[in-house]
Amino acid sequence: MILKRSCTIAILLGLIWLAGTARAETFSITLVTPPLVAEGDSQLQCHLVNVSGEERSAVIEVLAQDGTELITDGGTLDPGEAAVVTVPASASPRYCKFIVEGLRVDFRGSIAVRVPGLGSLGALLAY
């Protein structure tokens, strides 16, 4: 009887420990947009929205055609909160990279070309 109770307690403690460590784990994934070319007075914008029910950290990188980082911005996004990074066409931006805490389903990312006075003319989703 004592052995059975000890085994039961050991199993319960093990399950509690596993449950605690599972919640403490964080997953980081990377989303990347297809390239989009901004020219003239236009700007390239990288948009990211946290669609999860929890606060999550994220980093937005705007990259040149050769993969050089032009600008990086990061922080924490509340549920439903969006972040935008804008780079002028003169910097030759081409695509966006999003490094996010969570799963792919927790975020929506996109790239857009914005023309002053006209708005966004093209947009592509990150995947």
N, C-alpha and C. Protein backbone atom coordinates (compact mmCIF):
# COMPACT_ATOMS: atom_id res chain seq x y z
N MET A 1 0.81 -1.18 0.00
CA MET A 1 0.00 0.00 0.00
C MET A 1 0.87 1.26 0.00
N ILE A 2 1.93 1.25 0.83
CA ILE A 2 2.82 2.40 0.91
C ILE A 2 3.57 2.58 -0.41
N LEU A 3 4.01 1.49 -1.02
CA LEU A 3 4.70 1.54 -2.30
C LEU A 3 3.78 2.09 -3.38
N LYS A 4 2.53 1.66 -3.38
CA LYS A 4 1.56 2.13 -4.38
C LYS A 4 1.32 3.64 -4.21
N ARG A 5 1.21 4.09 -2.97
CA ARG A 5 0.98 5.51 -2.70
C ARG A 5 2.21 6.32 -3.11
N SER A 6 3.41 5.82 -2.83
CA SER A 6 4.65 6.51 -3.19
C SER A 6 4.78 6.64 -4.70
N CYS A 7 4.44 5.59 -5.41
CA CYS A 7 4.48 5.62 -6.88
C CYS A 7 3.49 6.65 -7.43
N THR A 8 2.30 6.67 -6.85
CA THR A 8 1.28 7.61 -7.28
C THR A 8 1.74 9.04 -7.06
N ILE A 9 2.31 9.32 -5.90
CA ILE A 9 2.81 10.66 -5.61
C ILE A 9 3.95 11.03 -6.56
N ALA A 10 4.85 10.10 -6.82
CA ALA A 10 5.97 10.36 -7.72
C ALA A 10 5.46 10.67 -9.14
N ILE A 11 4.47 9.93 -9.59
CA ILE A 11 3.91 10.17 -10.92
C ILE A 11 3.23 11.54 -10.97
N LEU A 12 2.47 11.89 -9.95
CA LEU A 12 1.80 13.19 -9.91
C LEU A 12 2.80 14.34 -9.90
N LEU A 13 3.86 14.21 -9.10
CA LEU A 13 4.89 15.25 -9.07
C LEU A 13 5.58 15.38 -10.42
N GLY A 14 5.83 14.26 -11.07
CA GLY A 14 6.42 14.29 -12.41
C GLY A 14 5.53 14.99 -13.42
N LEU A 15 4.24 14.72 -13.37
CA LEU A 15 3.29 15.37 -14.28
C LEU A 15 3.20 16.87 -14.01
N ILE A 16 3.19 17.26 -12.76
CA ILE A 16 3.16 18.68 -12.41
C ILE A 16 4.42 19.37 -12.93
N TRP A 17 5.57 18.73 -12.75
CA TRP A 17 6.83 19.29 -13.24
C TRP A 17 6.78 19.45 -14.76
N LEU A 18 6.33 18.44 -15.48
CA LEU A 18 6.24 18.51 -16.94
C LEU A 18 5.27 19.60 -17.39
N ALA A 19 4.16 19.73 -16.73
CA ALA A 19 3.18 20.76 -17.09
C ALA A 19 3.78 22.15 -16.89
N GLY A 20 4.53 22.33 -15.84
CA GLY A 20 5.16 23.63 -15.58
C GLY A 20 6.21 23.97 -16.61
N THR A 21 7.02 23.00 -17.02
CA THR A 21 8.05 23.28 -18.01
C THR A 21 7.45 23.45 -19.39
N ALA A 22 6.38 22.78 -19.69
CA ALA A 22 5.75 22.92 -21.01
C ALA A 22 5.22 24.34 -21.19
N ARG A 23 4.65 24.93 -20.15
CA ARG A 23 4.13 26.28 -20.25
C ARG A 23 5.26 27.29 -20.34
N ALA A 24 6.41 27.00 -19.77
CA ALA A 24 7.53 27.94 -19.77
C ALA A 24 8.24 27.98 -21.12
N GLU A 25 8.07 26.95 -21.94
CA GLU A 25 8.74 26.93 -23.24
C GLU A 25 8.15 27.99 -24.16
N THR A 26 9.02 28.64 -24.92
CA THR A 26 8.55 29.57 -25.93
C THR A 26 9.08 29.10 -27.28
N PHE A 27 8.29 29.31 -28.29
CA PHE A 27 8.67 28.92 -29.63
C PHE A 27 8.89 30.17 -30.45
N SER A 28 9.92 30.16 -31.25
CA SER A 28 10.21 31.29 -32.13
C SER A 28 10.19 30.78 -33.56
N ILE A 29 9.45 31.48 -34.40
CA ILE A 29 9.40 31.11 -35.81
C ILE A 29 9.74 32.34 -36.65
N THR A 30 10.05 32.10 -37.89
CA THR A 30 10.37 33.18 -38.82
C THR A 30 9.40 33.16 -40.00
N LEU A 31 8.84 34.32 -40.29
CA LEU A 31 7.99 34.50 -41.46
C LEU A 31 8.72 35.43 -42.41
N VAL A 32 8.63 35.16 -43.70
CA VAL A 32 9.31 35.98 -44.70
C VAL A 32 8.33 36.29 -45.83
N THR A 33 8.39 37.53 -46.31
CA THR A 33 7.53 37.91 -47.43
C THR A 33 8.25 37.66 -48.75
N PRO A 34 7.50 37.55 -49.84
CA PRO A 34 8.14 37.58 -51.15
C PRO A 34 8.69 38.99 -51.39
N PRO A 35 9.61 39.16 -52.32
CA PRO A 35 10.15 40.50 -52.58
C PRO A 35 9.11 41.40 -53.26
N LEU A 36 9.22 42.67 -52.96
CA LEU A 36 8.36 43.68 -53.58
C LEU A 36 9.24 44.91 -53.77
N VAL A 37 9.16 45.54 -54.94
CA VAL A 37 10.05 46.65 -55.27
C VAL A 37 9.33 47.99 -55.10
N ALA A 38 9.94 48.86 -54.30
CA ALA A 38 9.45 50.23 -54.14
C ALA A 38 10.39 51.14 -54.92
N GLU A 39 9.82 52.07 -55.70
CA GLU A 39 10.65 52.97 -56.51
C GLU A 39 10.19 54.41 -56.36
N GLY A 40 11.04 55.34 -56.76
CA GLY A 40 10.70 56.76 -56.73
C GLY A 40 10.50 57.26 -55.31
N ASP A 41 9.39 57.97 -55.10
CA ASP A 41 9.08 58.54 -53.79
C ASP A 41 8.33 57.57 -52.89
N SER A 42 8.10 56.36 -53.35
CA SER A 42 7.31 55.39 -52.57
C SER A 42 8.13 54.85 -51.40
N GLN A 43 7.43 54.13 -50.53
CA GLN A 43 8.03 53.53 -49.35
C GLN A 43 7.65 52.06 -49.28
N LEU A 44 8.52 51.26 -48.72
CA LEU A 44 8.21 49.86 -48.47
C LEU A 44 7.81 49.74 -47.00
N GLN A 45 6.69 49.07 -46.74
CA GLN A 45 6.22 48.91 -45.38
C GLN A 45 6.10 47.43 -45.03
N CYS A 46 6.54 47.09 -43.82
CA CYS A 46 6.39 45.74 -43.28
C CYS A 46 5.37 45.82 -42.15
N HIS A 47 4.27 45.09 -42.28
CA HIS A 47 3.18 45.11 -41.30
C HIS A 47 3.13 43.77 -40.57
N LEU A 48 2.93 43.82 -39.26
CA LEU A 48 2.79 42.61 -38.46
C LEU A 48 1.68 42.82 -37.43
N VAL A 49 0.78 41.83 -37.32
CA VAL A 49 -0.32 41.89 -36.35
C VAL A 49 -0.30 40.63 -35.48
N ASN A 50 -0.44 40.83 -34.17
CA ASN A 50 -0.56 39.72 -33.23
C ASN A 50 -2.04 39.34 -33.18
N VAL A 51 -2.40 38.19 -33.73
CA VAL A 51 -3.80 37.75 -33.74
C VAL A 51 -4.09 36.70 -32.66
N SER A 52 -3.11 36.48 -31.79
CA SER A 52 -3.31 35.52 -30.70
C SER A 52 -4.04 36.21 -29.54
N GLY A 53 -4.32 35.47 -28.52
CA GLY A 53 -4.97 36.01 -27.34
C GLY A 53 -3.99 36.39 -26.24
N GLU A 54 -2.67 36.37 -26.56
CA GLU A 54 -1.65 36.66 -25.57
C GLU A 54 -0.67 37.70 -26.07
N GLU A 55 -0.01 38.39 -25.14
CA GLU A 55 1.08 39.29 -25.48
C GLU A 55 2.23 38.46 -26.04
N ARG A 56 2.83 38.92 -27.14
CA ARG A 56 3.92 38.16 -27.76
C ARG A 56 5.01 39.10 -28.25
N SER A 57 6.26 38.62 -28.22
CA SER A 57 7.37 39.43 -28.71
C SER A 57 7.58 39.18 -30.20
N ALA A 58 8.11 40.21 -30.86
CA ALA A 58 8.34 40.12 -32.31
C ALA A 58 9.45 41.06 -32.72
N VAL A 59 10.14 40.67 -33.79
CA VAL A 59 11.17 41.51 -34.40
C VAL A 59 10.82 41.62 -35.88
N ILE A 60 10.87 42.84 -36.41
CA ILE A 60 10.63 43.07 -37.84
C ILE A 60 11.94 43.55 -38.45
N GLU A 61 12.36 42.86 -39.51
CA GLU A 61 13.57 43.26 -40.24
C GLU A 61 13.19 43.60 -41.68
N VAL A 62 13.72 44.71 -42.18
CA VAL A 62 13.56 45.05 -43.59
C VAL A 62 14.91 44.76 -44.25
N LEU A 63 14.87 43.97 -45.32
CA LEU A 63 16.10 43.51 -45.95
C LEU A 63 16.22 44.00 -47.39
N ALA A 64 17.46 44.20 -47.81
CA ALA A 64 17.77 44.55 -49.19
C ALA A 64 17.78 43.26 -50.03
N GLN A 65 17.90 43.42 -51.34
CA GLN A 65 17.88 42.26 -52.24
C GLN A 65 18.97 41.24 -51.91
N ASP A 66 20.14 41.71 -51.43
CA ASP A 66 21.24 40.80 -51.10
C ASP A 66 21.15 40.24 -49.68
N GLY A 67 20.08 40.58 -48.96
CA GLY A 67 19.89 40.07 -47.60
C GLY A 67 20.42 40.97 -46.51
N THR A 68 21.01 42.10 -46.87
CA THR A 68 21.52 43.06 -45.89
C THR A 68 20.36 43.66 -45.10
N GLU A 69 20.50 43.71 -43.78
CA GLU A 69 19.48 44.33 -42.93
C GLU A 69 19.55 45.85 -43.10
N LEU A 70 18.43 46.44 -43.46
CA LEU A 70 18.36 47.89 -43.59
C LEU A 70 17.87 48.54 -42.30
N ILE A 71 16.92 47.89 -41.65
CA ILE A 71 16.39 48.38 -40.38
C ILE A 71 15.80 47.20 -39.61
N THR A 72 15.93 47.24 -38.30
CA THR A 72 15.36 46.21 -37.43
C THR A 72 14.64 46.91 -36.29
N ASP A 73 13.45 46.43 -35.99
CA ASP A 73 12.67 46.99 -34.88
C ASP A 73 11.99 45.83 -34.17
N GLY A 74 11.96 45.87 -32.86
CA GLY A 74 11.34 44.78 -32.10
C GLY A 74 10.68 45.27 -30.84
N GLY A 75 9.89 44.37 -30.27
CA GLY A 75 9.20 44.70 -29.04
C GLY A 75 8.12 43.69 -28.74
N THR A 76 7.18 44.10 -27.93
CA THR A 76 6.08 43.24 -27.53
C THR A 76 4.79 43.77 -28.13
N LEU A 77 3.99 42.86 -28.67
CA LEU A 77 2.68 43.23 -29.22
C LEU A 77 1.58 42.62 -28.37
N ASP A 78 0.63 43.43 -27.95
CA ASP A 78 -0.54 42.95 -27.24
C ASP A 78 -1.48 42.25 -28.23
N PRO A 79 -2.44 41.46 -27.75
CA PRO A 79 -3.40 40.84 -28.66
C PRO A 79 -4.11 41.90 -29.50
N GLY A 80 -4.12 41.69 -30.81
CA GLY A 80 -4.75 42.63 -31.73
C GLY A 80 -3.90 43.82 -32.11
N GLU A 81 -2.74 43.98 -31.51
CA GLU A 81 -1.87 45.12 -31.80
C GLU A 81 -1.06 44.88 -33.07
N ALA A 82 -0.85 45.96 -33.83
CA ALA A 82 -0.08 45.90 -35.07
C ALA A 82 1.17 46.76 -34.96
N ALA A 83 2.19 46.40 -35.73
CA ALA A 83 3.41 47.19 -35.82
C ALA A 83 3.75 47.36 -37.30
N VAL A 84 4.30 48.51 -37.64
CA VAL A 84 4.68 48.79 -39.03
C VAL A 84 6.07 49.39 -39.03
N VAL A 85 6.91 48.91 -39.95
CA VAL A 85 8.22 49.51 -40.18
C VAL A 85 8.22 50.01 -41.62
N THR A 86 8.62 51.26 -41.81
CA THR A 86 8.61 51.90 -43.12
C THR A 86 10.02 52.29 -43.52
N VAL A 87 10.38 52.01 -44.79
CA VAL A 87 11.70 52.34 -45.33
C VAL A 87 11.50 53.02 -46.68
N PRO A 88 12.20 54.13 -46.93
CA PRO A 88 12.07 54.79 -48.23
C PRO A 88 12.65 53.95 -49.36
N ALA A 89 12.10 54.12 -50.56
CA ALA A 89 12.57 53.36 -51.73
C ALA A 89 14.05 53.61 -52.00
N SER A 90 14.54 54.79 -51.64
CA SER A 90 15.95 55.13 -51.89
C SER A 90 16.92 54.19 -51.18
N ALA A 91 16.47 53.49 -50.13
CA ALA A 91 17.32 52.55 -49.39
C ALA A 91 17.35 51.18 -50.07
N SER A 92 16.58 50.99 -51.14
CA SER A 92 16.49 49.74 -51.90
C SER A 92 16.00 48.55 -51.08
N PRO A 93 14.91 48.73 -50.32
CA PRO A 93 14.36 47.58 -49.58
C PRO A 93 13.69 46.60 -50.54
N ARG A 94 13.66 45.30 -50.17
CA ARG A 94 13.04 44.32 -51.06
C ARG A 94 12.06 43.39 -50.35
N TYR A 95 12.37 42.98 -49.11
CA TYR A 95 11.46 42.05 -48.43
C TYR A 95 11.53 42.21 -46.92
N CYS A 96 10.56 41.59 -46.24
CA CYS A 96 10.44 41.69 -44.79
C CYS A 96 10.64 40.31 -44.16
N LYS A 97 11.22 40.34 -42.99
CA LYS A 97 11.42 39.13 -42.20
C LYS A 97 10.87 39.40 -40.81
N PHE A 98 10.05 38.48 -40.31
CA PHE A 98 9.43 38.62 -39.00
C PHE A 98 9.88 37.45 -38.13
N ILE A 99 10.51 37.74 -37.01
CA ILE A 99 10.91 36.70 -36.05
C ILE A 99 9.97 36.87 -34.87
N VAL A 100 9.11 35.88 -34.66
CA VAL A 100 8.02 36.04 -33.71
C VAL A 100 7.98 34.91 -32.68
N GLU A 101 7.47 35.23 -31.51
CA GLU A 101 7.29 34.26 -30.44
C GLU A 101 5.91 33.64 -30.58
N GLY A 102 5.87 32.34 -30.76
CA GLY A 102 4.59 31.66 -30.91
C GLY A 102 4.56 30.80 -32.16
N LEU A 103 3.37 30.60 -32.64
CA LEU A 103 3.16 29.79 -33.83
C LEU A 103 2.77 30.67 -35.01
N ARG A 104 2.83 30.12 -36.21
CA ARG A 104 2.44 30.88 -37.41
C ARG A 104 1.03 31.44 -37.31
N VAL A 105 0.14 30.68 -36.70
CA VAL A 105 -1.25 31.11 -36.60
C VAL A 105 -1.43 32.29 -35.64
N ASP A 106 -0.39 32.66 -34.88
CA ASP A 106 -0.48 33.75 -33.92
C ASP A 106 -0.23 35.12 -34.55
N PHE A 107 0.25 35.16 -35.79
CA PHE A 107 0.63 36.43 -36.43
C PHE A 107 0.18 36.48 -37.88
N ARG A 108 -0.01 37.70 -38.37
CA ARG A 108 -0.21 37.97 -39.79
C ARG A 108 0.81 39.02 -40.19
N GLY A 109 1.61 38.71 -41.20
CA GLY A 109 2.61 39.65 -41.67
C GLY A 109 2.41 39.93 -43.14
N SER A 110 2.78 41.14 -43.56
CA SER A 110 2.66 41.49 -44.98
C SER A 110 3.68 42.56 -45.34
N ILE A 111 3.86 42.72 -46.64
CA ILE A 111 4.73 43.75 -47.19
C ILE A 111 3.86 44.58 -48.14
N ALA A 112 4.08 45.88 -48.15
CA ALA A 112 3.29 46.76 -49.01
C ALA A 112 4.16 47.89 -49.54
N VAL A 113 3.80 48.38 -50.73
CA VAL A 113 4.42 49.59 -51.27
C VAL A 113 3.41 50.71 -51.09
N ARG A 114 3.85 51.77 -50.42
CA ARG A 114 2.97 52.91 -50.17
C ARG A 114 3.48 54.11 -50.96
N VAL A 115 2.58 54.73 -51.69
CA VAL A 115 2.90 55.93 -52.46
C VAL A 115 2.24 57.12 -51.76
N PRO A 116 3.05 58.10 -51.32
CA PRO A 116 2.47 59.26 -50.64
C PRO A 116 1.36 59.91 -51.48
N GLY A 117 0.24 60.17 -50.84
CA GLY A 117 -0.89 60.78 -51.51
C GLY A 117 -1.83 59.79 -52.18
N LEU A 118 -1.39 58.55 -52.37
CA LEU A 118 -2.23 57.53 -53.01
C LEU A 118 -2.57 56.38 -52.07
N GLY A 119 -1.66 56.04 -51.18
CA GLY A 119 -1.87 54.90 -50.29
C GLY A 119 -1.09 53.68 -50.73
N SER A 120 -1.50 52.53 -50.25
CA SER A 120 -0.81 51.28 -50.59
C SER A 120 -1.27 50.78 -51.96
N LEU A 121 -0.31 50.47 -52.82
CA LEU A 121 -0.62 50.03 -54.17
C LEU A 121 -0.48 48.52 -54.34
N GLY A 122 0.32 47.88 -53.52
CA GLY A 122 0.50 46.43 -53.63
C GLY A 122 0.83 45.86 -52.28
N ALA A 123 0.38 44.65 -52.02
CA ALA A 123 0.66 44.01 -50.75
C ALA A 123 0.75 42.49 -50.95
N LEU A 124 1.66 41.88 -50.24
CA LEU A 124 1.85 40.43 -50.29
C LEU A 124 1.94 39.90 -48.85
N LEU A 125 1.45 38.70 -48.63
CA LEU A 125 1.47 38.07 -47.30
C LEU A 125 2.80 37.38 -47.01
N ALA A 126 3.16 37.36 -45.75
CA ALA A 126 4.34 36.62 -45.30
C ALA A 126 3.93 35.19 -45.04
N TYR A 127 4.84 34.27 -45.25
CA TYR A 127 4.59 32.86 -44.97
C TYR A 127 5.84 32.18 -44.50
